Amino acid sequence: MIVLAIDTAGVDCSAAVFDSDSGQMLSAVTDMIGKGHAERLMAVIDEALAKAGRVLADVQRVAVVIGPGSFTGVRVGVATARGLALALSAECVGVTTLEVLAHGFRQNDAPRPLVVAMDAKRGELYVQAFATDGSPLTHPAAMSPEETAELARSLPAEVVGSGRSLVLEAPASGLAVDRFDIAVVARLGAARTVHGAPKPLYLRGPDAKPQTGYALARA
C-alpha cells in the first residue's frame, strides 16, 4: 500500500511517501516555514511524489497529523488530506502530534512510561501519557504544568517534549519547538485502522477570536 503522509500541525510543512508492503520510505520532504502552510503544502506533496517516482493516482492511503498544534495548520492539513482521499478514492487516517513525539522519544530506549508535554502557551500544556510499549495510558488533554507534574509522579513517568521545562523547571528535552517526524507519521498511519474521516484534535479553542463587540444587532 502506498501511503502519503502530511504534516502541517507545527512549524514544518511536510510530506512523505511510504510503501507499507516493502516497509520502505520512498521519500520525505520537510520545509520549516512556520506559517503559510496552505500556500506551500501542495508543492511539498508534489515534490515528495516526484522524489518517490510516484503520482497521486498511486496513493492508496493518506495519513495526516490531526493535532493538537497550530489551529490553522491542523485545519489546513486535515482539509487537504480529506480532499485528496475523496478525489483518489483512498483511505484517510489521522495521527496525533503527541503519539508522533512519544514514538520518537521511545526510540531512544526510554526505560519508563512517557508523559509527552507540548507547550501550548498561555500557561497550558498538551499532554498524554504512554506506556513503555507505546500504548496510550491517558487521553490527550490540555493541562496545567502542576497537573502534568502530578500525572508524571503518579505513573511514575519521564516527562518529554517542549513543555518539560515548565513541568519540572528543568531544561527541555530536545528542541524548544516540537517538530513531528514525517517518517513516523507515515509508518503510524500505515498501521492505523480506518475509522471514518479524521477530524482535527484541537483540545481548546483558537487563540484568535472574532471581535463580537463590533457586530451589528439584527433587526
N, C-alpha and C. Protein backbone atom coordinates (compact mmCIF):
# COMPACT_ATOMS: atom_id res chain seq x y z
N MET A 1 0.84 -1.19 0.00
CA MET A 1 0.00 0.00 0.00
C MET A 1 0.88 1.25 0.00
N ILE A 2 0.58 2.19 -0.87
CA ILE A 2 1.31 3.44 -0.94
C ILE A 2 0.61 4.47 -0.05
N VAL A 3 1.35 4.98 0.92
CA VAL A 3 0.81 5.92 1.89
C VAL A 3 1.43 7.30 1.66
N LEU A 4 0.59 8.30 1.55
CA LEU A 4 1.04 9.69 1.51
C LEU A 4 0.80 10.28 2.89
N ALA A 5 1.87 10.74 3.54
CA ALA A 5 1.76 11.34 4.88
C ALA A 5 1.91 12.86 4.77
N ILE A 6 1.13 13.58 5.57
CA ILE A 6 1.09 15.05 5.54
C ILE A 6 1.18 15.59 6.97
N ASP A 7 1.99 16.63 7.15
CA ASP A 7 2.03 17.31 8.45
C ASP A 7 2.11 18.81 8.26
N THR A 8 1.13 19.53 8.83
CA THR A 8 1.15 20.99 8.85
C THR A 8 0.75 21.49 10.25
N ALA A 9 0.92 20.64 11.27
CA ALA A 9 0.43 20.95 12.61
C ALA A 9 1.36 21.84 13.42
N GLY A 10 2.58 22.03 12.93
CA GLY A 10 3.55 22.84 13.68
C GLY A 10 4.29 23.78 12.76
N VAL A 11 5.58 23.93 12.97
CA VAL A 11 6.39 24.85 12.18
C VAL A 11 6.77 24.27 10.82
N ASP A 12 6.64 22.95 10.68
CA ASP A 12 7.03 22.29 9.43
C ASP A 12 5.85 22.14 8.48
N CYS A 13 6.19 22.11 7.20
CA CYS A 13 5.25 21.70 6.15
C CYS A 13 5.89 20.47 5.52
N SER A 14 5.31 19.29 5.75
CA SER A 14 5.99 18.04 5.40
C SER A 14 5.08 17.09 4.65
N ALA A 15 5.70 16.28 3.81
CA ALA A 15 5.00 15.19 3.13
C ALA A 15 5.99 14.05 2.93
N ALA A 16 5.47 12.84 2.93
CA ALA A 16 6.31 11.66 2.70
C ALA A 16 5.51 10.61 1.97
N VAL A 17 6.22 9.74 1.26
CA VAL A 17 5.60 8.61 0.57
C VAL A 17 6.22 7.33 1.12
N PHE A 18 5.36 6.43 1.56
CA PHE A 18 5.79 5.20 2.23
C PHE A 18 5.12 4.00 1.58
N ASP A 19 5.90 2.96 1.32
CA ASP A 19 5.39 1.70 0.78
C ASP A 19 5.28 0.71 1.93
N SER A 20 4.07 0.47 2.40
CA SER A 20 3.90 -0.39 3.57
C SER A 20 4.16 -1.86 3.25
N ASP A 21 4.03 -2.26 2.00
CA ASP A 21 4.28 -3.65 1.63
C ASP A 21 5.76 -4.00 1.78
N SER A 22 6.62 -3.08 1.38
CA SER A 22 8.06 -3.33 1.48
C SER A 22 8.67 -2.76 2.75
N GLY A 23 7.90 -1.88 3.44
CA GLY A 23 8.42 -1.23 4.62
C GLY A 23 9.42 -0.13 4.31
N GLN A 24 9.43 0.36 3.07
CA GLN A 24 10.41 1.35 2.64
C GLN A 24 9.82 2.75 2.59
N MET A 25 10.57 3.70 3.14
CA MET A 25 10.22 5.11 3.00
C MET A 25 10.75 5.56 1.64
N LEU A 26 9.86 5.88 0.73
CA LEU A 26 10.27 6.21 -0.63
C LEU A 26 10.76 7.64 -0.77
N SER A 27 10.22 8.54 0.06
CA SER A 27 10.67 9.93 0.01
C SER A 27 10.12 10.67 1.22
N ALA A 28 10.77 11.79 1.55
CA ALA A 28 10.30 12.67 2.62
C ALA A 28 10.79 14.08 2.33
N VAL A 29 9.90 15.04 2.43
CA VAL A 29 10.23 16.45 2.19
C VAL A 29 9.71 17.27 3.36
N THR A 30 10.58 18.07 3.96
CA THR A 30 10.18 18.91 5.09
C THR A 30 10.72 20.31 4.92
N ASP A 31 9.83 21.30 4.97
CA ASP A 31 10.21 22.71 4.97
C ASP A 31 9.79 23.31 6.29
N MET A 32 10.75 23.87 7.04
CA MET A 32 10.43 24.54 8.30
C MET A 32 10.05 25.98 7.97
N ILE A 33 8.73 26.21 7.80
CA ILE A 33 8.28 27.51 7.30
C ILE A 33 7.56 28.34 8.35
N GLY A 34 7.16 27.75 9.45
CA GLY A 34 6.48 28.50 10.49
C GLY A 34 5.02 28.75 10.16
N LYS A 35 4.77 29.55 9.13
CA LYS A 35 3.41 29.86 8.70
C LYS A 35 3.32 29.72 7.18
N GLY A 36 2.09 29.82 6.67
CA GLY A 36 1.89 29.75 5.23
C GLY A 36 1.77 28.35 4.70
N HIS A 37 1.28 27.42 5.53
CA HIS A 37 1.17 26.03 5.10
C HIS A 37 0.22 25.85 3.92
N ALA A 38 -0.87 26.60 3.91
CA ALA A 38 -1.86 26.43 2.84
C ALA A 38 -1.27 26.72 1.47
N GLU A 39 -0.38 27.71 1.41
CA GLU A 39 0.23 28.09 0.14
C GLU A 39 1.33 27.12 -0.29
N ARG A 40 1.95 26.42 0.65
CA ARG A 40 3.13 25.60 0.36
C ARG A 40 2.83 24.11 0.25
N LEU A 41 1.75 23.64 0.88
CA LEU A 41 1.56 22.20 1.06
C LEU A 41 1.53 21.42 -0.24
N MET A 42 0.76 21.84 -1.23
CA MET A 42 0.63 21.04 -2.45
C MET A 42 1.97 20.92 -3.19
N ALA A 43 2.79 21.97 -3.12
CA ALA A 43 4.11 21.89 -3.75
C ALA A 43 4.99 20.88 -3.03
N VAL A 44 4.89 20.82 -1.71
CA VAL A 44 5.66 19.85 -0.93
C VAL A 44 5.19 18.42 -1.26
N ILE A 45 3.88 18.24 -1.38
CA ILE A 45 3.35 16.93 -1.76
C ILE A 45 3.84 16.53 -3.15
N ASP A 46 3.79 17.44 -4.10
CA ASP A 46 4.27 17.15 -5.45
C ASP A 46 5.75 16.77 -5.44
N GLU A 47 6.53 17.47 -4.62
CA GLU A 47 7.97 17.18 -4.54
C GLU A 47 8.21 15.79 -3.95
N ALA A 48 7.46 15.44 -2.91
CA ALA A 48 7.62 14.12 -2.30
C ALA A 48 7.24 13.01 -3.28
N LEU A 49 6.16 13.21 -4.02
CA LEU A 49 5.76 12.21 -5.02
C LEU A 49 6.80 12.07 -6.12
N ALA A 50 7.34 13.20 -6.58
CA ALA A 50 8.35 13.17 -7.64
C ALA A 50 9.60 12.43 -7.17
N LYS A 51 10.03 12.69 -5.96
CA LYS A 51 11.22 12.02 -5.42
C LYS A 51 10.99 10.52 -5.29
N ALA A 52 9.75 10.13 -5.01
CA ALA A 52 9.43 8.71 -4.86
C ALA A 52 9.17 8.03 -6.20
N GLY A 53 9.10 8.82 -7.27
CA GLY A 53 8.78 8.25 -8.58
C GLY A 53 7.34 7.78 -8.66
N ARG A 54 6.46 8.49 -7.96
CA ARG A 54 5.05 8.14 -7.92
C ARG A 54 4.19 9.32 -8.35
N VAL A 55 2.92 9.05 -8.60
CA VAL A 55 1.95 10.10 -8.91
C VAL A 55 0.80 9.97 -7.92
N LEU A 56 -0.03 10.99 -7.86
CA LEU A 56 -1.14 10.99 -6.90
C LEU A 56 -2.04 9.76 -7.06
N ALA A 57 -2.23 9.33 -8.29
CA ALA A 57 -3.11 8.18 -8.53
C ALA A 57 -2.60 6.90 -7.88
N ASP A 58 -1.32 6.84 -7.51
CA ASP A 58 -0.75 5.66 -6.86
C ASP A 58 -1.11 5.58 -5.38
N VAL A 59 -1.52 6.71 -4.80
CA VAL A 59 -1.74 6.78 -3.36
C VAL A 59 -3.00 6.02 -2.97
N GLN A 60 -2.85 5.10 -2.01
CA GLN A 60 -3.98 4.29 -1.54
C GLN A 60 -4.46 4.70 -0.15
N ARG A 61 -3.61 5.44 0.56
CA ARG A 61 -4.00 5.93 1.89
C ARG A 61 -3.31 7.26 2.14
N VAL A 62 -4.04 8.18 2.75
CA VAL A 62 -3.48 9.47 3.16
C VAL A 62 -3.48 9.51 4.68
N ALA A 63 -2.31 9.78 5.28
CA ALA A 63 -2.18 9.91 6.73
C ALA A 63 -1.85 11.37 7.05
N VAL A 64 -2.57 11.94 8.00
CA VAL A 64 -2.39 13.36 8.31
C VAL A 64 -2.29 13.57 9.81
N VAL A 65 -1.46 14.53 10.20
CA VAL A 65 -1.34 14.90 11.60
C VAL A 65 -2.54 15.77 11.97
N ILE A 66 -3.31 15.33 12.97
CA ILE A 66 -4.58 15.99 13.30
C ILE A 66 -4.48 16.92 14.52
N GLY A 67 -3.28 17.06 15.10
CA GLY A 67 -3.13 17.91 16.25
C GLY A 67 -2.95 17.08 17.52
N PRO A 68 -2.91 17.76 18.66
CA PRO A 68 -3.03 19.21 18.84
C PRO A 68 -1.81 19.95 18.33
N GLY A 69 -2.01 21.21 18.01
CA GLY A 69 -0.94 22.04 17.49
C GLY A 69 -1.49 23.35 17.01
N SER A 70 -0.93 23.87 15.94
CA SER A 70 -1.40 25.12 15.35
C SER A 70 -2.82 24.95 14.84
N PHE A 71 -3.72 25.80 15.32
CA PHE A 71 -5.14 25.69 14.92
C PHE A 71 -5.28 25.77 13.41
N THR A 72 -4.67 26.78 12.80
CA THR A 72 -4.78 26.96 11.35
C THR A 72 -4.07 25.84 10.60
N GLY A 73 -2.87 25.48 11.06
CA GLY A 73 -2.11 24.42 10.40
C GLY A 73 -2.83 23.09 10.41
N VAL A 74 -3.39 22.72 11.54
CA VAL A 74 -4.14 21.46 11.64
C VAL A 74 -5.32 21.47 10.68
N ARG A 75 -6.03 22.58 10.63
CA ARG A 75 -7.19 22.69 9.75
C ARG A 75 -6.79 22.53 8.29
N VAL A 76 -5.67 23.13 7.90
CA VAL A 76 -5.18 23.03 6.52
C VAL A 76 -4.83 21.58 6.18
N GLY A 77 -4.10 20.94 7.07
CA GLY A 77 -3.67 19.57 6.81
C GLY A 77 -4.82 18.59 6.70
N VAL A 78 -5.75 18.68 7.64
CA VAL A 78 -6.87 17.74 7.65
C VAL A 78 -7.77 17.96 6.43
N ALA A 79 -8.04 19.22 6.10
CA ALA A 79 -8.89 19.51 4.94
C ALA A 79 -8.24 19.00 3.65
N THR A 80 -6.94 19.20 3.53
CA THR A 80 -6.22 18.74 2.34
C THR A 80 -6.24 17.22 2.24
N ALA A 81 -5.96 16.56 3.35
CA ALA A 81 -5.93 15.09 3.36
C ALA A 81 -7.29 14.51 3.00
N ARG A 82 -8.33 15.05 3.57
CA ARG A 82 -9.67 14.54 3.29
C ARG A 82 -10.06 14.81 1.83
N GLY A 83 -9.69 15.97 1.32
CA GLY A 83 -9.99 16.28 -0.07
C GLY A 83 -9.26 15.36 -1.03
N LEU A 84 -7.98 15.11 -0.76
CA LEU A 84 -7.21 14.22 -1.62
C LEU A 84 -7.77 12.79 -1.57
N ALA A 85 -8.07 12.32 -0.36
CA ALA A 85 -8.58 10.96 -0.21
C ALA A 85 -9.90 10.80 -0.96
N LEU A 86 -10.75 11.81 -0.89
CA LEU A 86 -12.03 11.75 -1.59
C LEU A 86 -11.81 11.70 -3.11
N ALA A 87 -10.91 12.55 -3.60
CA ALA A 87 -10.66 12.61 -5.04
C ALA A 87 -10.01 11.32 -5.56
N LEU A 88 -9.20 10.68 -4.72
CA LEU A 88 -8.47 9.49 -5.14
C LEU A 88 -9.17 8.19 -4.77
N SER A 89 -10.30 8.30 -4.07
CA SER A 89 -10.98 7.11 -3.53
C SER A 89 -10.02 6.31 -2.65
N ALA A 90 -9.23 7.04 -1.86
CA ALA A 90 -8.23 6.44 -0.99
C ALA A 90 -8.71 6.48 0.46
N GLU A 91 -8.09 5.66 1.29
CA GLU A 91 -8.36 5.69 2.73
C GLU A 91 -7.73 6.94 3.34
N CYS A 92 -8.25 7.36 4.49
CA CYS A 92 -7.70 8.54 5.17
C CYS A 92 -7.68 8.28 6.67
N VAL A 93 -6.53 8.50 7.30
CA VAL A 93 -6.39 8.26 8.74
C VAL A 93 -5.68 9.44 9.39
N GLY A 94 -5.91 9.60 10.69
CA GLY A 94 -5.27 10.67 11.44
C GLY A 94 -4.28 10.14 12.45
N VAL A 95 -3.23 10.91 12.69
CA VAL A 95 -2.19 10.60 13.67
C VAL A 95 -2.00 11.84 14.52
N THR A 96 -1.91 11.70 15.84
CA THR A 96 -1.77 12.88 16.70
C THR A 96 -0.31 13.29 16.85
N THR A 97 -0.11 14.56 17.13
CA THR A 97 1.25 15.05 17.38
C THR A 97 1.86 14.38 18.61
N LEU A 98 1.04 14.11 19.61
CA LEU A 98 1.55 13.55 20.86
C LEU A 98 2.08 12.13 20.66
N GLU A 99 1.39 11.32 19.86
CA GLU A 99 1.88 9.97 19.63
C GLU A 99 3.12 9.96 18.73
N VAL A 100 3.22 10.92 17.82
CA VAL A 100 4.42 11.02 16.99
C VAL A 100 5.63 11.35 17.88
N LEU A 101 5.47 12.30 18.80
CA LEU A 101 6.56 12.65 19.70
C LEU A 101 6.91 11.47 20.61
N ALA A 102 5.90 10.79 21.13
CA ALA A 102 6.15 9.64 22.01
C ALA A 102 6.94 8.57 21.28
N HIS A 103 6.60 8.32 20.03
CA HIS A 103 7.31 7.31 19.25
C HIS A 103 8.78 7.69 19.10
N GLY A 104 9.04 8.98 18.84
CA GLY A 104 10.42 9.42 18.68
C GLY A 104 11.24 9.27 19.94
N PHE A 105 10.67 9.65 21.08
CA PHE A 105 11.41 9.52 22.34
C PHE A 105 11.53 8.06 22.75
N ARG A 106 10.55 7.24 22.41
CA ARG A 106 10.60 5.82 22.76
C ARG A 106 11.70 5.10 21.98
N GLN A 107 12.01 5.60 20.79
CA GLN A 107 13.10 5.00 20.00
C GLN A 107 14.44 5.18 20.68
N ASN A 108 14.51 6.12 21.63
CA ASN A 108 15.75 6.34 22.38
C ASN A 108 15.82 5.44 23.61
N ASP A 109 15.04 4.34 23.60
CA ASP A 109 15.06 3.33 24.67
C ASP A 109 14.65 3.92 26.02
N ALA A 110 13.53 4.64 26.03
CA ALA A 110 13.01 5.17 27.28
C ALA A 110 12.66 4.01 28.21
N PRO A 111 13.25 3.95 29.41
CA PRO A 111 13.04 2.81 30.30
C PRO A 111 11.73 2.88 31.07
N ARG A 112 11.09 4.04 31.08
CA ARG A 112 9.87 4.23 31.86
C ARG A 112 8.74 4.73 30.95
N PRO A 113 7.52 4.74 31.46
CA PRO A 113 6.45 5.39 30.70
C PRO A 113 6.81 6.84 30.39
N LEU A 114 6.18 7.40 29.39
CA LEU A 114 6.44 8.77 28.98
C LEU A 114 5.20 9.62 29.16
N VAL A 115 5.40 10.83 29.66
CA VAL A 115 4.37 11.86 29.61
C VAL A 115 4.85 12.90 28.60
N VAL A 116 4.19 12.93 27.44
CA VAL A 116 4.54 13.91 26.41
C VAL A 116 3.83 15.21 26.74
N ALA A 117 4.60 16.28 26.86
CA ALA A 117 4.05 17.59 27.23
C ALA A 117 4.50 18.62 26.20
N MET A 118 3.55 19.08 25.39
CA MET A 118 3.82 20.13 24.41
C MET A 118 3.43 21.48 25.00
N ASP A 119 4.30 22.46 24.85
CA ASP A 119 3.99 23.81 25.31
C ASP A 119 2.88 24.40 24.44
N ALA A 120 1.70 24.61 25.03
CA ALA A 120 0.56 25.15 24.30
C ALA A 120 0.41 26.65 24.49
N LYS A 121 1.36 27.26 25.20
CA LYS A 121 1.33 28.69 25.53
C LYS A 121 0.18 28.99 26.50
N ARG A 122 0.11 30.23 26.93
CA ARG A 122 -0.92 30.69 27.87
C ARG A 122 -0.94 29.84 29.15
N GLY A 123 0.22 29.32 29.55
CA GLY A 123 0.32 28.56 30.79
C GLY A 123 -0.28 27.17 30.73
N GLU A 124 -0.53 26.65 29.52
CA GLU A 124 -1.11 25.33 29.36
C GLU A 124 -0.17 24.42 28.59
N LEU A 125 -0.42 23.11 28.73
CA LEU A 125 0.32 22.09 28.01
C LEU A 125 -0.66 21.14 27.34
N TYR A 126 -0.26 20.61 26.19
CA TYR A 126 -0.97 19.49 25.59
C TYR A 126 -0.27 18.23 26.07
N VAL A 127 -1.02 17.32 26.69
CA VAL A 127 -0.39 16.23 27.44
C VAL A 127 -1.05 14.89 27.13
N GLN A 128 -0.22 13.86 27.06
CA GLN A 128 -0.71 12.48 27.02
C GLN A 128 0.38 11.57 27.54
N ALA A 129 -0.02 10.54 28.29
CA ALA A 129 0.92 9.57 28.84
C ALA A 129 0.90 8.30 28.01
N PHE A 130 2.09 7.69 27.86
CA PHE A 130 2.24 6.46 27.06
C PHE A 130 3.03 5.43 27.85
N ALA A 131 2.64 4.16 27.72
CA ALA A 131 3.37 3.06 28.35
C ALA A 131 4.67 2.81 27.60
N THR A 132 5.51 1.94 28.16
CA THR A 132 6.81 1.66 27.54
C THR A 132 6.67 0.99 26.18
N ASP A 133 5.52 0.35 25.92
CA ASP A 133 5.31 -0.28 24.61
C ASP A 133 4.65 0.68 23.62
N GLY A 134 4.43 1.93 24.03
CA GLY A 134 3.86 2.93 23.14
C GLY A 134 2.35 3.07 23.21
N SER A 135 1.69 2.20 23.94
CA SER A 135 0.23 2.29 24.05
C SER A 135 -0.15 3.47 24.95
N PRO A 136 -1.26 4.15 24.64
CA PRO A 136 -1.65 5.31 25.44
C PRO A 136 -2.17 4.92 26.82
N LEU A 137 -1.78 5.66 27.83
CA LEU A 137 -2.26 5.45 29.20
C LEU A 137 -3.35 6.45 29.57
N THR A 138 -3.37 7.59 28.87
CA THR A 138 -4.38 8.62 29.11
C THR A 138 -4.85 9.17 27.77
N HIS A 139 -5.93 9.91 27.79
CA HIS A 139 -6.39 10.60 26.59
C HIS A 139 -5.64 11.93 26.46
N PRO A 140 -5.49 12.45 25.25
CA PRO A 140 -4.89 13.78 25.09
C PRO A 140 -5.72 14.82 25.85
N ALA A 141 -5.04 15.77 26.50
CA ALA A 141 -5.75 16.78 27.28
C ALA A 141 -4.91 18.04 27.39
N ALA A 142 -5.59 19.17 27.59
CA ALA A 142 -4.92 20.42 27.92
C ALA A 142 -4.84 20.50 29.44
N MET A 143 -3.63 20.64 29.96
CA MET A 143 -3.42 20.59 31.40
C MET A 143 -2.47 21.70 31.84
N SER A 144 -2.51 22.01 33.12
CA SER A 144 -1.56 22.95 33.69
C SER A 144 -0.24 22.23 33.96
N PRO A 145 0.86 22.96 34.12
CA PRO A 145 2.12 22.31 34.49
C PRO A 145 2.03 21.53 35.79
N GLU A 146 1.26 22.04 36.74
CA GLU A 146 1.12 21.36 38.02
C GLU A 146 0.38 20.03 37.86
N GLU A 147 -0.68 20.03 37.07
CA GLU A 147 -1.42 18.79 36.81
C GLU A 147 -0.56 17.77 36.07
N THR A 148 0.25 18.27 35.16
CA THR A 148 1.13 17.38 34.39
C THR A 148 2.19 16.77 35.28
N ALA A 149 2.74 17.56 36.19
CA ALA A 149 3.74 17.05 37.13
C ALA A 149 3.14 15.97 38.02
N GLU A 150 1.91 16.16 38.46
CA GLU A 150 1.25 15.16 39.30
C GLU A 150 1.00 13.88 38.51
N LEU A 151 0.62 13.99 37.25
CA LEU A 151 0.43 12.81 36.41
C LEU A 151 1.73 12.04 36.27
N ALA A 152 2.82 12.74 36.02
CA ALA A 152 4.12 12.08 35.86
C ALA A 152 4.53 11.37 37.15
N ARG A 153 4.28 11.99 38.29
CA ARG A 153 4.64 11.37 39.58
C ARG A 153 3.79 10.13 39.85
N SER A 154 2.55 10.16 39.44
CA SER A 154 1.64 9.05 39.74
C SER A 154 1.95 7.79 38.96
N LEU A 155 2.66 7.88 37.84
CA LEU A 155 2.84 6.69 36.99
C LEU A 155 3.93 5.73 37.47
N PRO A 156 5.16 6.09 37.81
CA PRO A 156 5.88 7.33 37.50
C PRO A 156 6.38 7.29 36.06
N ALA A 157 6.61 8.49 35.50
CA ALA A 157 6.97 8.57 34.09
C ALA A 157 7.98 9.68 33.85
N GLU A 158 8.69 9.56 32.73
CA GLU A 158 9.60 10.60 32.27
C GLU A 158 8.81 11.64 31.49
N VAL A 159 9.06 12.92 31.75
CA VAL A 159 8.39 14.00 31.02
C VAL A 159 9.28 14.41 29.85
N VAL A 160 8.71 14.45 28.64
CA VAL A 160 9.46 14.81 27.44
C VAL A 160 8.67 15.84 26.63
N GLY A 161 9.36 16.50 25.73
CA GLY A 161 8.72 17.49 24.89
C GLY A 161 9.03 18.91 25.30
N SER A 162 8.51 19.86 24.53
CA SER A 162 8.82 21.27 24.76
C SER A 162 8.28 21.79 26.08
N GLY A 163 7.31 21.08 26.68
CA GLY A 163 6.75 21.52 27.96
C GLY A 163 7.49 21.01 29.17
N ARG A 164 8.54 20.23 28.97
CA ARG A 164 9.26 19.63 30.09
C ARG A 164 9.77 20.68 31.07
N SER A 165 10.32 21.77 30.55
CA SER A 165 10.89 22.79 31.42
C SER A 165 9.82 23.46 32.28
N LEU A 166 8.59 23.54 31.78
CA LEU A 166 7.51 24.13 32.56
C LEU A 166 7.04 23.20 33.66
N VAL A 167 7.14 21.90 33.42
CA VAL A 167 6.68 20.91 34.39
C VAL A 167 7.70 20.68 35.49
N LEU A 168 8.96 20.53 35.10
CA LEU A 168 10.00 20.13 36.04
C LEU A 168 10.95 21.25 36.41
N GLU A 169 10.77 22.43 35.80
CA GLU A 169 11.73 23.53 35.99
C GLU A 169 13.14 23.03 35.69
N ALA A 170 13.22 22.32 34.56
CA ALA A 170 14.48 21.73 34.10
C ALA A 170 14.60 21.99 32.61
N PRO A 171 15.79 21.82 32.04
CA PRO A 171 15.94 22.03 30.60
C PRO A 171 15.01 21.15 29.79
N ALA A 172 14.48 21.69 28.70
CA ALA A 172 13.60 20.92 27.83
C ALA A 172 14.36 19.78 27.18
N SER A 173 13.67 18.65 26.97
CA SER A 173 14.30 17.53 26.28
C SER A 173 14.08 17.72 24.78
N GLY A 174 15.15 17.81 24.03
CA GLY A 174 15.03 18.06 22.59
C GLY A 174 14.93 19.55 22.32
N LEU A 175 14.33 19.92 21.17
CA LEU A 175 14.24 21.31 20.76
C LEU A 175 13.16 22.04 21.54
N ALA A 176 13.28 23.37 21.61
CA ALA A 176 12.28 24.18 22.31
C ALA A 176 10.95 24.16 21.57
N VAL A 177 11.00 23.92 20.25
CA VAL A 177 9.79 23.83 19.43
C VAL A 177 9.59 22.38 19.01
N ASP A 178 8.40 21.85 19.28
CA ASP A 178 8.12 20.46 18.90
C ASP A 178 8.02 20.34 17.38
N ARG A 179 8.69 19.33 16.84
CA ARG A 179 8.62 19.03 15.42
C ARG A 179 8.26 17.56 15.27
N PHE A 180 7.52 17.24 14.21
CA PHE A 180 6.91 15.93 14.08
C PHE A 180 7.49 15.20 12.87
N ASP A 181 8.22 14.13 13.15
CA ASP A 181 8.94 13.36 12.13
C ASP A 181 7.94 12.78 11.13
N ILE A 182 8.02 13.22 9.89
CA ILE A 182 7.05 12.80 8.88
C ILE A 182 7.19 11.32 8.55
N ALA A 183 8.38 10.75 8.73
CA ALA A 183 8.55 9.31 8.52
C ALA A 183 7.78 8.52 9.58
N VAL A 184 7.78 9.02 10.81
CA VAL A 184 7.00 8.38 11.88
C VAL A 184 5.51 8.49 11.57
N VAL A 185 5.09 9.66 11.09
CA VAL A 185 3.68 9.85 10.72
C VAL A 185 3.27 8.81 9.67
N ALA A 186 4.12 8.61 8.67
CA ALA A 186 3.80 7.66 7.60
C ALA A 186 3.68 6.23 8.13
N ARG A 187 4.61 5.83 8.98
CA ARG A 187 4.58 4.46 9.50
C ARG A 187 3.40 4.23 10.44
N LEU A 188 3.12 5.20 11.29
CA LEU A 188 1.97 5.07 12.19
C LEU A 188 0.67 5.07 11.37
N GLY A 189 0.63 5.93 10.36
CA GLY A 189 -0.56 5.99 9.52
C GLY A 189 -0.81 4.71 8.75
N ALA A 190 0.26 4.07 8.31
CA ALA A 190 0.13 2.81 7.57
C ALA A 190 -0.43 1.70 8.45
N ALA A 191 -0.11 1.75 9.74
CA ALA A 191 -0.54 0.69 10.66
C ALA A 191 -1.91 0.97 11.27
N ARG A 192 -2.44 2.16 11.06
CA ARG A 192 -3.69 2.57 11.71
C ARG A 192 -4.90 1.91 11.08
N THR A 193 -5.88 1.55 11.91
CA THR A 193 -7.16 1.06 11.43
C THR A 193 -8.03 2.25 11.03
N VAL A 194 -8.70 2.14 9.91
CA VAL A 194 -9.52 3.25 9.42
C VAL A 194 -10.85 3.28 10.18
N HIS A 195 -11.16 4.45 10.77
CA HIS A 195 -12.42 4.64 11.49
C HIS A 195 -13.07 5.95 11.03
N GLY A 196 -13.49 5.99 9.79
CA GLY A 196 -14.10 7.21 9.29
C GLY A 196 -13.07 8.28 9.00
N ALA A 197 -13.53 9.42 8.51
CA ALA A 197 -12.62 10.51 8.14
C ALA A 197 -12.02 11.15 9.39
N PRO A 198 -10.72 11.46 9.37
CA PRO A 198 -10.08 12.08 10.54
C PRO A 198 -10.61 13.49 10.78
N LYS A 199 -10.63 13.89 12.04
CA LYS A 199 -11.07 15.23 12.42
C LYS A 199 -9.96 15.91 13.22
N PRO A 200 -9.91 17.24 13.17
CA PRO A 200 -8.89 17.96 13.94
C PRO A 200 -9.03 17.70 15.44
N LEU A 201 -7.90 17.60 16.11
CA LEU A 201 -7.85 17.47 17.57
C LEU A 201 -7.27 18.77 18.11
N TYR A 202 -8.15 19.67 18.57
CA TYR A 202 -7.71 21.00 18.99
C TYR A 202 -7.43 21.08 20.49
N LEU A 203 -8.24 20.44 21.33
CA LEU A 203 -8.18 20.45 22.79
C LEU A 203 -8.59 21.78 23.42
N ARG A 204 -8.55 22.85 22.66
CA ARG A 204 -9.05 24.14 23.14
C ARG A 204 -9.38 25.00 21.93
N GLY A 205 -10.06 26.11 22.15
CA GLY A 205 -10.43 26.99 21.06
C GLY A 205 -9.24 27.75 20.51
N PRO A 206 -9.41 28.39 19.34
CA PRO A 206 -8.31 29.16 18.74
C PRO A 206 -7.95 30.37 19.58
N ASP A 207 -6.67 30.80 19.50
CA ASP A 207 -6.23 31.99 20.22
C ASP A 207 -6.89 33.25 19.66
N ALA A 208 -7.05 33.30 18.34
CA ALA A 208 -7.67 34.46 17.70
C ALA A 208 -9.19 34.31 17.73
N LYS A 209 -9.86 35.30 18.25
CA LYS A 209 -11.31 35.26 18.35
C LYS A 209 -11.91 36.49 17.67
N PRO A 210 -13.11 36.35 17.10
CA PRO A 210 -13.75 37.49 16.42
C PRO A 210 -14.09 38.60 17.40
N GLN A 211 -14.04 39.84 16.93
CA GLN A 211 -14.34 40.99 17.77
C GLN A 211 -15.85 41.23 17.72
N THR A 212 -16.56 40.47 18.55
CA THR A 212 -18.01 40.49 18.50
C THR A 212 -18.58 41.81 18.98
N GLY A 213 -17.79 42.62 19.67
CA GLY A 213 -18.28 43.89 20.14
C GLY A 213 -18.66 44.85 19.03
N TYR A 214 -18.14 44.57 17.83
CA TYR A 214 -18.41 45.46 16.69
C TYR A 214 -19.54 44.92 15.80
N ALA A 215 -20.14 43.80 16.20
CA ALA A 215 -21.20 43.22 15.38
C ALA A 215 -22.46 44.07 15.49
N LEU A 216 -23.19 44.17 14.38
CA LEU A 216 -24.42 44.93 14.36
C LEU A 216 -25.57 44.08 14.83
N ALA A 217 -26.46 44.67 15.62
CA ALA A 217 -27.61 43.93 16.11
C ALA A 217 -28.56 43.65 14.96
N ARG A 218 -29.19 42.47 15.00
CA ARG A 218 -30.13 42.12 13.95
C ARG A 218 -31.43 42.88 14.14
N ALA A 219 -32.03 43.26 13.01
CA ALA A 219 -33.29 44.00 13.08
C ALA A 219 -34.43 43.05 13.47
